[in-house]
Amino acid sequence: MAFDGITTKSISYELQHSILGGKINKIFEPNKNEVLLSIYANGKNYALNICIDSNLYRIHLTTNAKPNPLNAPNFCMLLRKHLIGYKIKSISSNDNLERIIKIELEGYNELNDLTTKYLIVELMGKHSNIILLNDKFFIIDSLRHLDTLSNSYRDILPAHEYSYPENNKNNFYTIKSAEEFCNLVLTNNVTNLTNFLVGYFTGFSKPFIKNIILKQNISNTEFSKGDILNIYEYLSKILNNLDSNEISLIKYSNEKGKLDYVIDLVPKSSDLDINFYIDDFYYNKETNNNYVSYRNNLLKLISHILKKYSLRLESINKKLKECENKDLYKLYGELITANLYKFSKDFNSDKVELENYYDNNSILTIPLDNMISIANNAKKYFKKYNKLKNALEIVTLQKKETEEELQYIESIIYELEYAKDIQEVNEIYNEISENPIFKDYIQSNNKTNTKKETNISTPREYHIDGFTVLVGKNNKQNDYLTTKLASPNDIWFHTKDIHGSHVILKNPSENISHDTLIKCAKLAAYYSKGRLSSNVPVDYCFVKYVKKPNGSKPGMVIYTNNKTLNVTPSITD
């Protein structure tokens, strides 16, 4: 959604109707880019959200609460000092459709003098800002400090006089007639109507203009004088009705096929229609952005851990390869010891050739350390043999443990890749925060290392041939589903040797059809790492044959009495 000048002016009108005369009771700063004003007006409580994030800048009323830091940031404390108890005297936006809103506030200062202050909201991408001014239009403070040394064309600093940003575009309201608008387009040899109107006039966004051109059934590149006149008439109707119930946001599909909002000539359904849709749009967008960022950060962290354990397994395999030579070192020691009588005390060489009485007396070349005696070379080989013999048992166990840990890490990556929302990611985070494999990494990457508060989600539920089928979303839920929720005679499905969800067919009849089993197996294959494959093997058995070993990692089970179906992954509901 483009928060353009048209939207800004429409919002300012709606705010005038709702919170004008209202009193500021509380002020919060949920994050470094956002300020929330709690306002009591007309017998109701409102929350005015002001966000200056470079990609999500906006101002609107909201019904969505956000967590606040335990200690209020400095700018929040300053706003509380200056604005708590002040009333909103006026709300206005520029007539040239810039994305700037001025909120005039009136209240009593610490000396009990009636004073006026202004809150300026500039919504201009990376240059967005929230600025508090005194009655002389001098800056008290701002959320972002800017000066000419930081490539800003004006100073936004305390004690500096405030000036509005420069505007190099033109004001549509200065166009006096359709004929003047038509001549403007024709004399500029316009080849792309959208680009021209957006570049020439202040306040117009591409989605806004494209929607008008589409509704008028006009080509963006080939248009007549009559088409231009129609565009002018439609634009004029919208701009002249911004403070009426004839203007609202409408949903449309943008070029990427995603649903978006744009201002249009559509009657409102309520006095706060535009605020409502903007609040809904940005809440969903922020939620999705937070989810994607959160999930990707966890994936990056866990992929790093996966790499570490993969390297550990490589090192273990090298040690095992070395252990395979232990018997050869023992043989070297035995052959040298058996032939010691043949060597003089001053014998010195880097190798020796001896008959191998274990192999038909074939000649075997044995490397020697010529810095020590031949007898000590034999002792050295026996010592190396004993060391590798003892190491073999330890390294074999290490390999088994590391392979299990790698499987578990890969299962977490699979879960994160298919997590649908923040709640599911939180559940995975809470699971790994309890596991020693991840704990140190999480502590080093998070200052608080606290569990994420979240309600436990329910398993995915499907209905196949009249039966309820449940699918786990993560390892812990898989454990709960299989060991707690399922009954002994329910049927359990899981991909064979492939990471995936536990799938439970509830209350099956004695003569359950093969077709139903196939559908459940396809579901299990779909919710696995084999989703994009074909002919995926899926094991199934009664739940009573599935056991969870003591001390095993979440999601890990063993099972017996199983059968296997080879299926192509799909969802059947």
Foldseek 3Di string as FASTA:
>chain_A
DDCFLLVLQLQLLLCCVWAAFWAFAAWADQDLFKIWTWTQDPNDIWIWIAGQALVQGDIFIAPDDGDGDPDGDPVRVVCCQPGHGWGFNGWGDDQLSANKIKTKTWDAHPVRDIFIKIWMFHHDRPPTWTFIAGPQQFTQAISDFDPVVVVDPHGRGHRHHDDDDDDPADRPVVDDDLVSQLCVCVVVVDQFQLVCVPVHGGGDDSVQLVVLCVVLVHDRGDGDSVSSSSSSVQVVVSVVCSNHQQKAWDWDQDPVRDIDIYIHRHGAPDSRRRSVVSNVVSVVVVQVVVLVVLLVVVLVLLVVLLVVLVVVLVVLVVLLVVLVCLVVLLQLLVQLVVCVVVDDFPDFDQWDWFQRPVPVRDIDIGGADRVDTSNVRSVVSNVVSVVSVVVNVVSVVVNVVSVLVSVQSVLLSLLSVPDDGPQSVLVSLQQCCPPPSCVVVLVVVDVVSDRDDHDDDAFDWDADPNWIKGKARGLQSQCCVLPPVADQQWKWKAFDPWRFIIMTTHPDDPCHDPVRVQQSNLQRCCGTPNNVPFQTKMKMDGSNQWADDPPRGRNDIDGDPIDIDGGHHDHDD
